[in-house]
Amino acid sequence: MSGAELLLSLAGAVTMMLLSAIAYFLKLLIEDTRQLSGELAKLKELFIRLEAEQALLKNVLQRTRSPPV
């Protein structure tokens, strides 16, 4: 094998390893994005429930408050 062929083979191997590392980290990024999307949906649902509970508590407090004298 000549020096040029060896250099091209080495460059190809390095390129392959870099592309593999990029693909691995992209896979992790996509998984994290999907997980965050699910958690965001849960947070939205919790926020809606808390708003409803806060409105209910406000309503109860307004009913039980004595009228001003």
N, C-alpha and C. Protein backbone atom coordinates (compact mmCIF):
# COMPACT_ATOMS: atom_id res chain seq x y z
N MET A 1 0.85 -1.16 0.00
CA MET A 1 0.00 0.00 0.00
C MET A 1 0.90 1.24 0.00
N SER A 2 0.58 2.18 -0.84
CA SER A 2 1.39 3.39 -0.91
C SER A 2 0.98 4.36 0.20
N GLY A 3 1.76 5.40 0.34
CA GLY A 3 1.49 6.39 1.39
C GLY A 3 0.18 7.11 1.17
N ALA A 4 -0.17 7.39 -0.08
CA ALA A 4 -1.41 8.11 -0.39
C ALA A 4 -2.62 7.24 -0.05
N GLU A 5 -2.55 5.95 -0.37
CA GLU A 5 -3.66 5.05 -0.05
C GLU A 5 -3.84 4.92 1.45
N LEU A 6 -2.72 4.83 2.16
CA LEU A 6 -2.78 4.74 3.61
C LEU A 6 -3.38 6.00 4.21
N LEU A 7 -3.00 7.15 3.70
CA LEU A 7 -3.52 8.42 4.18
C LEU A 7 -5.02 8.53 3.92
N LEU A 8 -5.46 8.13 2.73
CA LEU A 8 -6.88 8.16 2.41
C LEU A 8 -7.68 7.18 3.27
N SER A 9 -7.11 6.02 3.54
CA SER A 9 -7.79 5.06 4.41
C SER A 9 -7.93 5.59 5.82
N LEU A 10 -6.87 6.22 6.29
CA LEU A 10 -6.89 6.80 7.63
C LEU A 10 -7.90 7.94 7.71
N ALA A 11 -7.92 8.79 6.69
CA ALA A 11 -8.88 9.89 6.66
C ALA A 11 -10.31 9.36 6.61
N GLY A 12 -10.53 8.29 5.87
CA GLY A 12 -11.86 7.67 5.81
C GLY A 12 -12.28 7.10 7.15
N ALA A 13 -11.34 6.47 7.84
CA ALA A 13 -11.66 5.90 9.15
C ALA A 13 -11.98 6.99 10.17
N VAL A 14 -11.21 8.06 10.14
CA VAL A 14 -11.47 9.18 11.06
C VAL A 14 -12.82 9.81 10.75
N THR A 15 -13.12 10.00 9.48
CA THR A 15 -14.41 10.56 9.08
C THR A 15 -15.56 9.67 9.53
N MET A 16 -15.40 8.35 9.36
CA MET A 16 -16.43 7.41 9.78
C MET A 16 -16.66 7.48 11.28
N MET A 17 -15.58 7.57 12.06
CA MET A 17 -15.73 7.64 13.51
C MET A 17 -16.40 8.95 13.94
N LEU A 18 -16.05 10.05 13.29
CA LEU A 18 -16.68 11.33 13.62
C LEU A 18 -18.16 11.32 13.27
N LEU A 19 -18.51 10.76 12.12
CA LEU A 19 -19.92 10.67 11.74
C LEU A 19 -20.70 9.76 12.69
N SER A 20 -20.07 8.70 13.15
CA SER A 20 -20.72 7.82 14.11
C SER A 20 -20.98 8.54 15.43
N ALA A 21 -20.01 9.32 15.88
CA ALA A 21 -20.18 10.08 17.13
C ALA A 21 -21.28 11.11 16.98
N ILE A 22 -21.34 11.77 15.83
CA ILE A 22 -22.39 12.76 15.58
C ILE A 22 -23.76 12.09 15.58
N ALA A 23 -23.86 10.94 14.93
CA ALA A 23 -25.13 10.21 14.88
C ALA A 23 -25.57 9.79 16.28
N TYR A 24 -24.63 9.34 17.10
CA TYR A 24 -24.95 8.93 18.47
C TYR A 24 -25.49 10.10 19.27
N PHE A 25 -24.82 11.25 19.20
CA PHE A 25 -25.28 12.40 19.96
C PHE A 25 -26.59 12.97 19.42
N LEU A 26 -26.81 12.88 18.13
CA LEU A 26 -28.11 13.29 17.58
C LEU A 26 -29.23 12.39 18.08
N LYS A 27 -28.95 11.09 18.18
CA LYS A 27 -29.94 10.16 18.71
C LYS A 27 -30.30 10.53 20.15
N LEU A 28 -29.29 10.82 20.96
CA LEU A 28 -29.54 11.24 22.35
C LEU A 28 -30.33 12.54 22.41
N LEU A 29 -30.00 13.47 21.53
CA LEU A 29 -30.71 14.75 21.50
C LEU A 29 -32.18 14.55 21.14
N ILE A 30 -32.45 13.70 20.18
CA ILE A 30 -33.83 13.43 19.78
C ILE A 30 -34.60 12.77 20.92
N GLU A 31 -33.97 11.82 21.61
CA GLU A 31 -34.63 11.17 22.75
C GLU A 31 -34.93 12.18 23.85
N ASP A 32 -33.99 13.06 24.15
CA ASP A 32 -34.21 14.08 25.17
C ASP A 32 -35.33 15.04 24.78
N THR A 33 -35.38 15.39 23.50
CA THR A 33 -36.43 16.29 23.02
C THR A 33 -37.79 15.64 23.17
N ARG A 34 -37.90 14.37 22.86
CA ARG A 34 -39.18 13.66 23.02
C ARG A 34 -39.57 13.58 24.48
N GLN A 35 -38.60 13.32 25.35
CA GLN A 35 -38.88 13.25 26.78
C GLN A 35 -39.34 14.61 27.31
N LEU A 36 -38.68 15.66 26.88
CA LEU A 36 -39.07 17.00 27.31
C LEU A 36 -40.46 17.37 26.81
N SER A 37 -40.80 16.91 25.62
CA SER A 37 -42.13 17.17 25.07
C SER A 37 -43.19 16.52 25.94
N GLY A 38 -42.94 15.29 26.37
CA GLY A 38 -43.88 14.60 27.26
C GLY A 38 -44.00 15.29 28.60
N GLU A 39 -42.89 15.74 29.15
CA GLU A 39 -42.92 16.44 30.43
C GLU A 39 -43.62 17.78 30.31
N LEU A 40 -43.46 18.45 29.18
CA LEU A 40 -44.14 19.72 28.96
C LEU A 40 -45.66 19.51 28.91
N ALA A 41 -46.10 18.44 28.29
CA ALA A 41 -47.53 18.15 28.24
C ALA A 41 -48.07 17.91 29.65
N LYS A 42 -47.30 17.19 30.48
CA LYS A 42 -47.72 16.97 31.87
C LYS A 42 -47.79 18.28 32.64
N LEU A 43 -46.81 19.15 32.42
CA LEU A 43 -46.81 20.44 33.10
C LEU A 43 -47.98 21.31 32.68
N LYS A 44 -48.33 21.28 31.41
CA LYS A 44 -49.49 22.03 30.93
C LYS A 44 -50.77 21.54 31.61
N GLU A 45 -50.91 20.23 31.70
CA GLU A 45 -52.09 19.65 32.35
C GLU A 45 -52.14 20.05 33.82
N LEU A 46 -51.00 19.99 34.50
CA LEU A 46 -50.94 20.37 35.90
C LEU A 46 -51.27 21.84 36.07
N PHE A 47 -50.78 22.68 35.19
CA PHE A 47 -51.05 24.11 35.25
C PHE A 47 -52.55 24.38 35.11
N ILE A 48 -53.21 23.70 34.20
CA ILE A 48 -54.65 23.88 34.01
C ILE A 48 -55.40 23.45 35.26
N ARG A 49 -54.99 22.33 35.86
CA ARG A 49 -55.64 21.87 37.09
C ARG A 49 -55.44 22.87 38.23
N LEU A 50 -54.24 23.40 38.34
CA LEU A 50 -53.97 24.37 39.41
C LEU A 50 -54.75 25.66 39.20
N GLU A 51 -54.89 26.09 37.97
CA GLU A 51 -55.70 27.28 37.70
C GLU A 51 -57.15 27.04 38.10
N ALA A 52 -57.68 25.87 37.78
CA ALA A 52 -59.06 25.56 38.13
C ALA A 52 -59.23 25.51 39.65
N GLU A 53 -58.27 24.90 40.34
CA GLU A 53 -58.35 24.83 41.79
C GLU A 53 -58.24 26.21 42.42
N GLN A 54 -57.39 27.05 41.87
CA GLN A 54 -57.25 28.41 42.38
C GLN A 54 -58.54 29.18 42.19
N ALA A 55 -59.18 29.04 41.04
CA ALA A 55 -60.46 29.71 40.80
C ALA A 55 -61.52 29.22 41.76
N LEU A 56 -61.53 27.92 42.04
CA LEU A 56 -62.49 27.35 42.98
C LEU A 56 -62.26 27.89 44.39
N LEU A 57 -61.00 27.93 44.81
CA LEU A 57 -60.69 28.45 46.14
C LEU A 57 -61.05 29.93 46.25
N LYS A 58 -60.80 30.69 45.21
CA LYS A 58 -61.15 32.11 45.21
C LYS A 58 -62.66 32.28 45.35
N ASN A 59 -63.40 31.45 44.64
CA ASN A 59 -64.86 31.49 44.70
C ASN A 59 -65.36 31.16 46.11
N VAL A 60 -64.78 30.14 46.72
CA VAL A 60 -65.18 29.74 48.07
C VAL A 60 -64.87 30.84 49.07
N LEU A 61 -63.69 31.44 48.94
CA LEU A 61 -63.30 32.51 49.85
C LEU A 61 -64.21 33.73 49.70
N GLN A 62 -64.63 34.04 48.49
CA GLN A 62 -65.51 35.18 48.27
C GLN A 62 -66.89 34.92 48.86
N ARG A 63 -67.34 33.69 48.85
CA ARG A 63 -68.66 33.35 49.42
C ARG A 63 -68.65 33.42 50.94
N THR A 64 -67.54 32.97 51.54
CA THR A 64 -67.48 32.91 53.00
C THR A 64 -67.08 34.23 53.63
N ARG A 65 -66.59 35.15 52.84
CA ARG A 65 -66.17 36.44 53.36
C ARG A 65 -67.41 37.20 53.85
N SER A 66 -67.29 37.77 55.04
CA SER A 66 -68.43 38.53 55.57
C SER A 66 -68.55 39.85 54.82
N PRO A 67 -69.79 40.33 54.62
CA PRO A 67 -69.97 41.58 53.89
C PRO A 67 -69.43 42.76 54.73
N PRO A 68 -68.91 43.78 54.04
CA PRO A 68 -68.36 44.92 54.79
C PRO A 68 -69.46 45.68 55.53
N VAL A 69 -69.10 46.17 56.68
CA VAL A 69 -70.08 46.88 57.52
C VAL A 69 -70.04 48.36 57.25
